[in-house]
Amino acid sequence: MPTVPGSALGALKSPYPLAALISLCALVFYTSTLLPSVDWAEGARSQLRAYLAQADSTAGGHPVYFYLGHLFVRLGVGDPAWRINLSSAIYGAVAIFFFALTAFEITGMLAGQDRPGNPGPSLALSLSPSPPFSLSAWPVALASVTLGVSHVFWFASTHPRPFSMNMVVLTAAVFLTVRWIRQPRIRLFAALSFVLGLSVGVHVFTAALTPVFAATLAARWRQQGLALSRKGASGVAACYLAGLSPYLFVLLRDLSRIKQPFAVAALALGAPLGGPALEGWSQALWRTAQESLMTLAYSFF
């Protein structure tokens, strides 16, 4: 199979080794420029909450980041604050890995290397092997490096910021979606459902992206006339709930403690602590909507 014009590295039968190499280089870069110890302001709060394993269902709760950060605290390397910073570096490198894989998928689609033919009427029967890759590695490497050294991406990967893990779930979801468009398989759909469920525990406002991914898959579904069996649908739903379980845990715990479902929902949408007690509910809801939109826009960058 001929390579894409301009390829200097030749044909790639699999994109994973090169994506892993790019990710490893990113990890070395982030670790060498990592914040050495305690951060300030928001970063210091993130370090403290990860150290104490304190998470909640509010917009700033980030249970997945804080609980995993607490596991990093138990590592025997460096001081606790540095270990939490290290987790962000690892998340940033993993996000670069998924970004590179997505770039390979897209360049493969542009090169017309999609698997020909209809995969069949049922996703559960689509079990054929992956198509070979014959791609130009340089554009993917250049795009990955450009993203990895950008200021916002680098900052989130070298400081204790939950957005570093948010980048992981977003790039993983995009990769799985693009991969599923090329090859509709039930295991890819299940993996995407798990990632979308997990993303809520990483940052609650990423739940707003679920309809976007669902609409993309539905459009492809109608285009190819695919069908999903009841067993497959149950498995996909179970994967989503499994990914959502960390957030459900803290949500149910907060509901049992506060015993005010409306207040818990308002806090999850970004309402300031103590806001409803200091002003009318209408004003509190208006402030909640404003801050939710601002936080949602910020979480995507």
C-alpha atoms as a PDB file:
ATOM      1  CA  MET A   1       0.000   0.000   0.000  1.00  0.00           C
ATOM      2  CA  PRO A   2       1.541   3.346  -0.965  1.00  0.00           C
ATOM      3  CA  THR A   3       2.283   5.902   1.689  1.00  0.00           C
ATOM      4  CA  VAL A   4       0.811   9.352   1.855  1.00  0.00           C
ATOM      5  CA  PRO A   5       2.913  11.770  -0.229  1.00  0.00           C
ATOM      6  CA  GLY A   6       5.603  13.426   1.816  1.00  0.00           C
ATOM      7  CA  SER A   7       6.037  10.585   4.271  1.00  0.00           C
ATOM      8  CA  ALA A   8       9.600  10.390   5.519  1.00  0.00           C
ATOM      9  CA  LEU A   9       9.136   7.576   7.998  1.00  0.00           C
ATOM     10  CA  GLY A  10       7.532   5.108   5.632  1.00  0.00           C
ATOM     11  CA  ALA A  11       4.490   2.957   6.155  1.00  0.00           C
ATOM     12  CA  LEU A  12       3.203   2.359   9.647  1.00  0.00           C
ATOM     13  CA  LYS A  13       1.376  -0.888  10.234  1.00  0.00           C
ATOM     14  CA  SER A  14       0.266   0.373  13.642  1.00  0.00           C
ATOM     15  CA  PRO A  15       0.142   3.919  15.026  1.00  0.00           C
ATOM     16  CA  TYR A  16       0.524   2.858  18.652  1.00  0.00           C
ATOM     17  CA  PRO A  17       4.348   2.652  18.889  1.00  0.00           C
ATOM     18  CA  LEU A  18       4.877   6.138  17.504  1.00  0.00           C
ATOM     19  CA  ALA A  19       2.036   7.577  19.601  1.00  0.00           C
ATOM     20  CA  ALA A  20       3.602   5.962  22.681  1.00  0.00           C
ATOM     21  CA  LEU A  21       7.005   7.430  21.787  1.00  0.00           C
ATOM     22  CA  ILE A  22       5.531  10.911  21.403  1.00  0.00           C
ATOM     23  CA  SER A  23       3.726  10.481  24.721  1.00  0.00           C
ATOM     24  CA  LEU A  24       6.938   9.377  26.434  1.00  0.00           C
ATOM     25  CA  CYS A  25       8.789  12.419  25.119  1.00  0.00           C
ATOM     26  CA  ALA A  26       5.971  14.607  26.434  1.00  0.00           C
ATOM     27  CA  LEU A  27       6.212  12.952  29.849  1.00  0.00           C
ATOM     28  CA  VAL A  28       9.962  13.627  30.000  1.00  0.00           C
ATOM     29  CA  PHE A  29       9.357  17.249  29.033  1.00  0.00           C
ATOM     30  CA  TYR A  30       6.595  17.758  31.590  1.00  0.00           C
ATOM     31  CA  THR A  31       8.518  16.021  34.361  1.00  0.00           C
ATOM     32  CA  SER A  32      11.652  18.088  33.719  1.00  0.00           C
ATOM     33  CA  THR A  33       9.632  21.328  33.906  1.00  0.00           C
ATOM     34  CA  LEU A  34       7.314  20.174  36.698  1.00  0.00           C
ATOM     35  CA  LEU A  35       6.368  22.458  39.556  1.00  0.00           C
ATOM     36  CA  PRO A  36       8.818  21.310  42.266  1.00  0.00           C
ATOM     37  CA  SER A  37       6.565  21.508  45.305  1.00  0.00           C
ATOM     38  CA  VAL A  38       3.611  23.413  46.759  1.00  0.00           C
ATOM     39  CA  ASP A  39       1.572  25.587  44.438  1.00  0.00           C
ATOM     40  CA  TRP A  40      -0.487  28.636  45.390  1.00  0.00           C
ATOM     41  CA  ALA A  41      -4.168  29.648  45.195  1.00  0.00           C
ATOM     42  CA  GLU A  42      -6.197  27.101  43.202  1.00  0.00           C
ATOM     43  CA  GLY A  43      -3.237  24.766  42.796  1.00  0.00           C
ATOM     44  CA  ALA A  44      -2.586  24.685  46.544  1.00  0.00           C
ATOM     45  CA  ARG A  45      -6.236  23.867  47.190  1.00  0.00           C
ATOM     46  CA  SER A  46      -6.053  21.033  44.669  1.00  0.00           C
ATOM     47  CA  GLN A  47      -2.944  19.634  46.356  1.00  0.00           C
ATOM     48  CA  LEU A  48      -4.544  19.820  49.790  1.00  0.00           C
ATOM     49  CA  ARG A  49      -7.769  18.173  48.682  1.00  0.00           C
ATOM     50  CA  ALA A  50      -5.884  15.408  46.881  1.00  0.00           C
ATOM     51  CA  TYR A  51      -3.649  14.886  49.924  1.00  0.00           C
ATOM     52  CA  LEU A  52      -6.712  14.574  52.190  1.00  0.00           C
ATOM     53  CA  ALA A  53      -8.792  12.692  49.578  1.00  0.00           C
ATOM     54  CA  GLN A  54     -11.522  15.326  49.867  1.00  0.00           C
ATOM     55  CA  ALA A  55     -13.939  15.414  46.940  1.00  0.00           C
ATOM     56  CA  ASP A  56     -17.582  16.347  46.512  1.00  0.00           C
ATOM     57  CA  SER A  57     -20.260  16.671  43.851  1.00  0.00           C
ATOM     58  CA  THR A  58     -19.888  20.433  43.366  1.00  0.00           C
ATOM     59  CA  ALA A  59     -18.521  21.941  40.161  1.00  0.00           C
ATOM     60  CA  GLY A  60     -15.091  22.100  41.797  1.00  0.00           C
ATOM     61  CA  GLY A  61     -15.261  18.677  43.403  1.00  0.00           C
ATOM     62  CA  HIS A  62     -13.340  16.658  40.753  1.00  0.00           C
ATOM     63  CA  PRO A  63     -13.576  13.313  42.619  1.00  0.00           C
ATOM     64  CA  VAL A  64     -11.593  11.289  40.067  1.00  0.00           C
ATOM     65  CA  TYR A  65      -8.646  13.701  40.076  1.00  0.00           C
ATOM     66  CA  PHE A  66      -8.535  14.092  43.846  1.00  0.00           C
ATOM     67  CA  TYR A  67      -8.928  10.388  44.648  1.00  0.00           C
ATOM     68  CA  LEU A  68      -6.290   9.336  42.122  1.00  0.00           C
ATOM     69  CA  GLY A  69      -4.074  12.154  43.367  1.00  0.00           C
ATOM     70  CA  HIS A  70      -4.385  10.698  46.847  1.00  0.00           C
ATOM     71  CA  LEU A  71      -2.982   7.431  45.474  1.00  0.00           C
ATOM     72  CA  PHE A  72      -0.019   9.335  44.010  1.00  0.00           C
ATOM     73  CA  VAL A  73       0.624  10.795  47.465  1.00  0.00           C
ATOM     74  CA  ARG A  74       1.451   7.280  48.631  1.00  0.00           C
ATOM     75  CA  LEU A  75       4.358   6.984  46.186  1.00  0.00           C
ATOM     76  CA  GLY A  76       7.782   6.995  47.814  1.00  0.00           C
ATOM     77  CA  VAL A  77       9.324   9.617  45.513  1.00  0.00           C
ATOM     78  CA  GLY A  78       9.638  13.319  46.316  1.00  0.00           C
ATOM     79  CA  ASP A  79       7.381  15.231  48.668  1.00  0.00           C
ATOM     80  CA  PRO A  80       3.586  14.778  48.596  1.00  0.00           C
ATOM     81  CA  ALA A  81       2.986  18.010  46.678  1.00  0.00           C
ATOM     82  CA  TRP A  82       5.448  16.967  43.946  1.00  0.00           C
ATOM     83  CA  ARG A  83       3.768  13.577  43.640  1.00  0.00           C
ATOM     84  CA  ILE A  84       0.419  15.232  42.992  1.00  0.00           C
ATOM     85  CA  ASN A  85       2.078  17.462  40.407  1.00  0.00           C
ATOM     86  CA  LEU A  86       3.526  14.334  38.821  1.00  0.00           C
ATOM     87  CA  SER A  87       0.030  12.983  38.302  1.00  0.00           C
ATOM     88  CA  SER A  88      -0.774  15.998  36.125  1.00  0.00           C
ATOM     89  CA  ALA A  89       2.341  15.335  34.037  1.00  0.00           C
ATOM     90  CA  ILE A  90       1.249  11.743  33.476  1.00  0.00           C
ATOM     91  CA  TYR A  91      -2.260  12.837  32.520  1.00  0.00           C
ATOM     92  CA  GLY A  92      -0.858  15.352  30.048  1.00  0.00           C
ATOM     93  CA  ALA A  93       1.323  12.689  28.425  1.00  0.00           C
ATOM     94  CA  VAL A  94      -1.631  10.301  28.172  1.00  0.00           C
ATOM     95  CA  ALA A  95      -3.697  13.053  26.540  1.00  0.00           C
ATOM     96  CA  ILE A  96      -0.943  13.547  23.955  1.00  0.00           C
ATOM     97  CA  PHE A  97      -1.051   9.790  23.293  1.00  0.00           C
ATOM     98  CA  PHE A  98      -4.759   9.865  22.495  1.00  0.00           C
ATOM     99  CA  PHE A  99      -4.352  13.051  20.471  1.00  0.00           C
ATOM    100  CA  ALA A 100      -1.692  11.383  18.308  1.00  0.00           C
ATOM    101  CA  LEU A 101      -3.895   8.323  17.798  1.00  0.00           C
ATOM    102  CA  THR A 102      -6.773  10.582  16.767  1.00  0.00           C
ATOM    103  CA  ALA A 103      -4.526  12.385  14.302  1.00  0.00           C
ATOM    104  CA  PHE A 104      -3.514   9.043  12.771  1.00  0.00           C
ATOM    105  CA  GLU A 105      -7.174   8.063  12.432  1.00  0.00           C
ATOM    106  CA  ILE A 106      -8.080  11.340  10.743  1.00  0.00           C
ATOM    107  CA  THR A 107      -5.146  11.266   8.341  1.00  0.00           C
ATOM    108  CA  GLY A 108      -6.087   7.685   7.524  1.00  0.00           C
ATOM    109  CA  MET A 109      -9.611   8.816   6.704  1.00  0.00           C
ATOM    110  CA  LEU A 110      -8.283  11.642   4.523  1.00  0.00           C
ATOM    111  CA  ALA A 111      -6.049   9.165   2.711  1.00  0.00           C
ATOM    112  CA  GLY A 112      -9.077   7.012   1.891  1.00  0.00           C
ATOM    113  CA  GLN A 113      -7.984   4.032   3.952  1.00  0.00           C
ATOM    114  CA  ASP A 114     -11.365   3.307   5.540  1.00  0.00           C
ATOM    115  CA  ARG A 115     -12.367  -0.314   5.546  1.00  0.00           C
ATOM    116  CA  PRO A 116     -14.618  -0.814   2.503  1.00  0.00           C
ATOM    117  CA  GLY A 117     -18.070  -2.285   2.726  1.00  0.00           C
ATOM    118  CA  ASN A 118     -20.782  -2.266   5.315  1.00  0.00           C
ATOM    119  CA  PRO A 119     -19.818  -3.867   8.656  1.00  0.00           C
ATOM    120  CA  GLY A 120     -23.168  -5.646   8.859  1.00  0.00           C
ATOM    121  CA  PRO A 121     -26.515  -5.117  10.457  1.00  0.00           C
ATOM    122  CA  SER A 122     -25.354  -5.655  14.023  1.00  0.00           C
ATOM    123  CA  LEU A 123     -22.506  -4.051  15.926  1.00  0.00           C
ATOM    124  CA  ALA A 124     -21.976  -7.251  17.851  1.00  0.00           C
ATOM    125  CA  LEU A 125     -21.001  -9.056  14.622  1.00  0.00           C
ATOM    126  CA  SER A 126     -18.434  -6.462  13.544  1.00  0.00           C
ATOM    127  CA  LEU A 127     -15.265  -8.242  14.640  1.00  0.00           C
ATOM    128  CA  SER A 128     -12.967  -7.927  11.620  1.00  0.00           C
ATOM    129  CA  PRO A 129      -9.344  -6.866  12.229  1.00  0.00           C
ATOM    130  CA  SER A 130      -8.279  -3.228  12.132  1.00  0.00           C
ATOM    131  CA  PRO A 131      -7.232  -1.777   8.782  1.00  0.00           C
ATOM    132  CA  PRO A 132      -3.498  -1.326   8.154  1.00  0.00           C
ATOM    133  CA  PHE A 133      -2.023   2.132   8.579  1.00  0.00           C
ATOM    134  CA  SER A 134       0.121   3.703   5.912  1.00  0.00           C
ATOM    135  CA  LEU A 135       0.428   7.246   7.062  1.00  0.00           C
ATOM    136  CA  SER A 136       2.793  10.162   7.132  1.00  0.00           C
ATOM    137  CA  ALA A 137       4.191  10.312  10.638  1.00  0.00           C
ATOM    138  CA  TRP A 138       5.647  13.800  10.446  1.00  0.00           C
ATOM    139  CA  PRO A 139       2.361  15.772  10.424  1.00  0.00           C
ATOM    140  CA  VAL A 140       1.093  13.783  13.398  1.00  0.00           C
ATOM    141  CA  ALA A 141       4.324  14.278  15.332  1.00  0.00           C
ATOM    142  CA  LEU A 142       4.390  17.998  14.534  1.00  0.00           C
ATOM    143  CA  ALA A 143       0.748  18.473  15.574  1.00  0.00           C
ATOM    144  CA  SER A 144       1.326  16.555  18.821  1.00  0.00           C
ATOM    145  CA  VAL A 145       4.415  18.576  19.703  1.00  0.00           C
ATOM    146  CA  THR A 146       2.612  21.823  18.914  1.00  0.00           C
ATOM    147  CA  LEU A 147      -0.215  20.907  21.268  1.00  0.00           C
ATOM    148  CA  GLY A 148       2.107  19.566  23.949  1.00  0.00           C
ATOM    149  CA  VAL A 149       4.223  22.721  24.216  1.00  0.00           C
ATOM    150  CA  SER A 150       1.317  25.170  23.995  1.00  0.00           C
ATOM    151  CA  HIS A 151       1.130  27.290  27.114  1.00  0.00           C
ATOM    152  CA  VAL A 152      -2.270  26.174  28.436  1.00  0.00           C
ATOM    153  CA  PHE A 153      -1.592  22.488  27.817  1.00  0.00           C
ATOM    154  CA  TRP A 154       1.899  22.683  29.309  1.00  0.00           C
ATOM    155  CA  PHE A 155       0.676  24.614  32.345  1.00  0.00           C
ATOM    156  CA  ALA A 156      -2.084  22.104  33.102  1.00  0.00           C
ATOM    157  CA  SER A 157       0.420  19.249  32.729  1.00  0.00           C
ATOM    158  CA  THR A 158       3.031  20.713  35.086  1.00  0.00           C
ATOM    159  CA  HIS A 159       0.765  22.107  37.806  1.00  0.00           C
ATOM    160  CA  PRO A 160      -1.842  20.477  40.065  1.00  0.00           C
ATOM    161  CA  ARG A 161      -4.859  21.239  37.892  1.00  0.00           C
ATOM    162  CA  PRO A 162      -7.795  18.838  37.347  1.00  0.00           C
ATOM    163  CA  PHE A 163      -7.967  20.066  33.748  1.00  0.00           C
ATOM    164  CA  SER A 164      -4.974  17.830  32.983  1.00  0.00           C
ATOM    165  CA  MET A 165      -7.175  14.783  33.527  1.00  0.00           C
ATOM    166  CA  ASN A 166     -10.016  16.520  31.718  1.00  0.00           C
ATOM    167  CA  MET A 167      -7.774  16.593  28.657  1.00  0.00           C
ATOM    168  CA  VAL A 168      -7.340  12.825  28.941  1.00  0.00           C
ATOM    169  CA  VAL A 169     -11.042  12.014  28.887  1.00  0.00           C
ATOM    170  CA  LEU A 170     -11.751  14.507  26.105  1.00  0.00           C
ATOM    171  CA  THR A 171      -8.991  13.259  23.800  1.00  0.00           C
ATOM    172  CA  ALA A 172      -9.864   9.644  24.595  1.00  0.00           C
ATOM    173  CA  ALA A 173     -13.532  10.281  23.782  1.00  0.00           C
ATOM    174  CA  VAL A 174     -12.653  11.960  20.487  1.00  0.00           C
ATOM    175  CA  PHE A 175     -10.300   9.111  19.551  1.00  0.00           C
ATOM    176  CA  LEU A 176     -12.877   6.432  20.322  1.00  0.00           C
ATOM    177  CA  THR A 177     -15.533   8.328  18.382  1.00  0.00           C
ATOM    178  CA  VAL A 178     -13.364   8.734  15.287  1.00  0.00           C
ATOM    179  CA  ARG A 179     -12.276   5.106  15.560  1.00  0.00           C
ATOM    180  CA  TRP A 180     -15.888   3.998  15.845  1.00  0.00           C
ATOM    181  CA  ILE A 181     -16.827   6.027  12.759  1.00  0.00           C
ATOM    182  CA  ARG A 182     -14.203   4.116  10.809  1.00  0.00           C
ATOM    183  CA  GLN A 183     -15.019   0.758  12.378  1.00  0.00           C
ATOM    184  CA  PRO A 184     -18.331   0.437  14.253  1.00  0.00           C
ATOM    185  CA  ARG A 185     -17.595  -2.136  16.949  1.00  0.00           C
ATOM    186  CA  ILE A 186     -19.437  -2.774  20.153  1.00  0.00           C
ATOM    187  CA  ARG A 187     -16.285  -2.700  22.283  1.00  0.00           C
ATOM    188  CA  LEU A 188     -15.412   0.791  20.991  1.00  0.00           C
ATOM    189  CA  PHE A 189     -18.936   1.969  21.795  1.00  0.00           C
ATOM    190  CA  ALA A 190     -18.681   0.466  25.277  1.00  0.00           C
ATOM    191  CA  ALA A 191     -15.277   2.069  25.877  1.00  0.00           C
ATOM    192  CA  LEU A 192     -16.612   5.458  24.759  1.00  0.00           C
ATOM    193  CA  SER A 193     -19.575   5.105  27.126  1.00  0.00           C
ATOM    194  CA  PHE A 194     -17.228   4.358  30.021  1.00  0.00           C
ATOM    195  CA  VAL A 195     -15.048   7.379  29.219  1.00  0.00           C
ATOM    196  CA  LEU A 196     -18.058   9.691  28.958  1.00  0.00           C
ATOM    197  CA  GLY A 197     -19.350   8.437  32.296  1.00  0.00           C
ATOM    198  CA  LEU A 198     -15.928   8.862  33.897  1.00  0.00           C
ATOM    199  CA  SER A 199     -15.627  12.391  32.517  1.00  0.00           C
ATOM    200  CA  VAL A 200     -18.444  13.551  34.803  1.00  0.00           C
ATOM    201  CA  GLY A 201     -16.311  12.631  37.808  1.00  0.00           C
ATOM    202  CA  VAL A 202     -13.352  14.457  36.289  1.00  0.00           C
ATOM    203  CA  HIS A 203     -15.280  17.664  35.614  1.00  0.00           C
ATOM    204  CA  VAL A 204     -19.037  17.739  36.029  1.00  0.00           C
ATOM    205  CA  PHE A 205     -19.585  20.083  33.088  1.00  0.00           C
ATOM    206  CA  THR A 206     -18.158  17.594  30.597  1.00  0.00           C
ATOM    207  CA  ALA A 207     -21.542  15.890  30.922  1.00  0.00           C
ATOM    208  CA  ALA A 208     -22.714  18.520  28.454  1.00  0.00           C
ATOM    209  CA  LEU A 209     -20.553  16.854  25.800  1.00  0.00           C
ATOM    210  CA  THR A 210     -22.383  13.524  25.973  1.00  0.00           C
ATOM    211  CA  PRO A 211     -25.221  14.673  23.668  1.00  0.00           C
ATOM    212  CA  VAL A 212     -22.627  15.885  21.165  1.00  0.00           C
ATOM    213  CA  PHE A 213     -20.961  12.484  20.953  1.00  0.00           C
ATOM    214  CA  ALA A 214     -24.351  10.753  20.922  1.00  0.00           C
ATOM    215  CA  ALA A 215     -25.530  12.877  17.994  1.00  0.00           C
ATOM    216  CA  THR A 216     -22.333  12.081  16.075  1.00  0.00           C
ATOM    217  CA  LEU A 217     -22.755   8.351  16.586  1.00  0.00           C
ATOM    218  CA  ALA A 218     -26.462   8.505  15.768  1.00  0.00           C
ATOM    219  CA  ALA A 219     -25.766  10.211  12.451  1.00  0.00           C
ATOM    220  CA  ARG A 220     -23.278   7.496  11.512  1.00  0.00           C
ATOM    221  CA  TRP A 221     -25.727   4.880  12.728  1.00  0.00           C
ATOM    222  CA  ARG A 222     -28.449   6.070  10.380  1.00  0.00           C
ATOM    223  CA  GLN A 223     -26.002   6.399   7.511  1.00  0.00           C
ATOM    224  CA  GLN A 224     -24.882   2.779   7.693  1.00  0.00           C
ATOM    225  CA  GLY A 225     -28.155   1.274   8.869  1.00  0.00           C
ATOM    226  CA  LEU A 226     -26.604  -0.306  11.951  1.00  0.00           C
ATOM    227  CA  ALA A 227     -28.494  -2.000  14.759  1.00  0.00           C
ATOM    228  CA  LEU A 228     -27.668  -2.614  18.402  1.00  0.00           C
ATOM    229  CA  SER A 229     -28.927  -5.727  20.164  1.00  0.00           C
ATOM    230  CA  ARG A 230     -30.548  -5.576  23.580  1.00  0.00           C
ATOM    231  CA  LYS A 231     -27.537  -7.331  25.096  1.00  0.00           C
ATOM    232  CA  GLY A 232     -25.184  -4.829  23.500  1.00  0.00           C
ATOM    233  CA  ALA A 233     -27.269  -1.873  24.696  1.00  0.00           C
ATOM    234  CA  SER A 234     -27.255  -3.272  28.236  1.00  0.00           C
ATOM    235  CA  GLY A 235     -23.468  -3.636  28.125  1.00  0.00           C
ATOM    236  CA  VAL A 236     -23.023  -0.069  26.885  1.00  0.00           C
ATOM    237  CA  ALA A 237     -25.296   1.269  29.631  1.00  0.00           C
ATOM    238  CA  ALA A 238     -23.407  -0.748  32.239  1.00  0.00           C
ATOM    239  CA  CYS A 239     -20.094   0.700  31.030  1.00  0.00           C
ATOM    240  CA  TYR A 240     -21.465   4.226  31.307  1.00  0.00           C
ATOM    241  CA  LEU A 241     -22.675   3.615  34.859  1.00  0.00           C
ATOM    242  CA  ALA A 242     -19.322   2.053  35.757  1.00  0.00           C
ATOM    243  CA  GLY A 243     -17.523   5.185  34.582  1.00  0.00           C
ATOM    244  CA  LEU A 244     -20.065   7.392  36.341  1.00  0.00           C
ATOM    245  CA  SER A 245     -19.737   5.498  39.639  1.00  0.00           C
ATOM    246  CA  PRO A 246     -17.109   7.809  41.255  1.00  0.00           C
ATOM    247  CA  TYR A 247     -19.355  10.818  40.776  1.00  0.00           C
ATOM    248  CA  LEU A 248     -22.464   8.908  41.836  1.00  0.00           C
ATOM    249  CA  PHE A 249     -20.648   7.906  45.022  1.00  0.00           C
ATOM    250  CA  VAL A 250     -19.867  11.479  46.071  1.00  0.00           C
ATOM    251  CA  LEU A 251     -23.292  12.703  44.896  1.00  0.00           C
ATOM    252  CA  LEU A 252     -25.178  10.177  47.018  1.00  0.00           C
ATOM    253  CA  ARG A 253     -22.873  10.876  49.947  1.00  0.00           C
ATOM    254  CA  ASP A 254     -23.529  14.627  49.675  1.00  0.00           C
ATOM    255  CA  LEU A 255     -27.268  14.037  49.407  1.00  0.00           C
ATOM    256  CA  SER A 256     -27.193  11.916  52.558  1.00  0.00           C
ATOM    257  CA  ARG A 257     -25.247  14.596  54.424  1.00  0.00           C
ATOM    258  CA  ILE A 258     -26.956  17.777  53.257  1.00  0.00           C
ATOM    259  CA  LYS A 259     -30.455  16.320  52.767  1.00  0.00           C
ATOM    260  CA  GLN A 260     -31.366  19.196  50.446  1.00  0.00           C
ATOM    261  CA  PRO A 261     -31.476  17.838  46.881  1.00  0.00           C
ATOM    262  CA  PHE A 262     -32.092  21.257  45.334  1.00  0.00           C
ATOM    263  CA  ALA A 263     -29.085  22.762  47.090  1.00  0.00           C
ATOM    264  CA  VAL A 264     -26.859  19.853  46.063  1.00  0.00           C
ATOM    265  CA  ALA A 265     -27.976  20.249  42.444  1.00  0.00           C
ATOM    266  CA  ALA A 266     -27.341  24.004  42.568  1.00  0.00           C
ATOM    267  CA  LEU A 267     -23.839  23.460  43.957  1.00  0.00           C
ATOM    268  CA  ALA A 268     -23.130  20.862  41.276  1.00  0.00           C
ATOM    269  CA  LEU A 269     -24.056  23.487  38.662  1.00  0.00           C
ATOM    270  CA  GLY A 270     -21.610  25.979  40.111  1.00  0.00           C
ATOM    271  CA  ALA A 271     -23.600  27.923  42.701  1.00  0.00           C
ATOM    272  CA  PRO A 272     -21.344  29.583  45.300  1.00  0.00           C
ATOM    273  CA  LEU A 273     -21.352  28.113  48.774  1.00  0.00           C
ATOM    274  CA  GLY A 274     -23.753  30.000  51.005  1.00  0.00           C
ATOM    275  CA  GLY A 275     -25.355  31.810  48.061  1.00  0.00           C
ATOM    276  CA  PRO A 276     -28.935  30.554  48.515  1.00  0.00           C
ATOM    277  CA  ALA A 277     -28.798  31.350  52.227  1.00  0.00           C
ATOM    278  CA  LEU A 278     -27.817  34.968  51.603  1.00  0.00           C
ATOM    279  CA  GLU A 279     -30.181  35.882  48.778  1.00  0.00           C
ATOM    280  CA  GLY A 280     -33.417  34.850  47.109  1.00  0.00           C
ATOM    281  CA  TRP A 281     -33.619  31.597  45.172  1.00  0.00           C
ATOM    282  CA  SER A 282     -34.280  33.428  41.893  1.00  0.00           C
ATOM    283  CA  GLN A 283     -31.103  35.479  42.241  1.00  0.00           C
ATOM    284  CA  ALA A 284     -29.164  32.400  43.311  1.00  0.00           C
ATOM    285  CA  LEU A 285     -30.365  30.486  40.256  1.00  0.00           C
ATOM    286  CA  TRP A 286     -29.414  33.388  37.984  1.00  0.00           C
ATOM    287  CA  ARG A 287     -25.923  33.518  39.456  1.00  0.00           C
ATOM    288  CA  THR A 288     -25.693  29.742  39.156  1.00  0.00           C
ATOM    289  CA  ALA A 289     -26.573  29.870  35.463  1.00  0.00           C
ATOM    290  CA  GLN A 290     -24.014  32.601  34.792  1.00  0.00           C
ATOM    291  CA  GLU A 291     -21.190  30.868  36.635  1.00  0.00           C
ATOM    292  CA  SER A 292     -22.099  27.496  35.115  1.00  0.00           C
ATOM    293  CA  LEU A 293     -21.794  28.886  31.590  1.00  0.00           C
ATOM    294  CA  MET A 294     -18.449  30.505  32.410  1.00  0.00           C
ATOM    295  CA  THR A 295     -17.088  27.331  33.986  1.00  0.00           C
ATOM    296  CA  LEU A 296     -18.381  25.226  31.102  1.00  0.00           C
ATOM    297  CA  ALA A 297     -16.662  27.453  28.544  1.00  0.00           C
ATOM    298  CA  TYR A 298     -13.417  27.411  30.550  1.00  0.00           C
ATOM    299  CA  SER A 299     -13.444  23.630  30.929  1.00  0.00           C
ATOM    300  CA  PHE A 300     -13.258  23.158  27.159  1.00  0.00           C
ATOM    301  CA  PHE A 301      -9.940  25.028  26.821  1.00  0.00           C
END
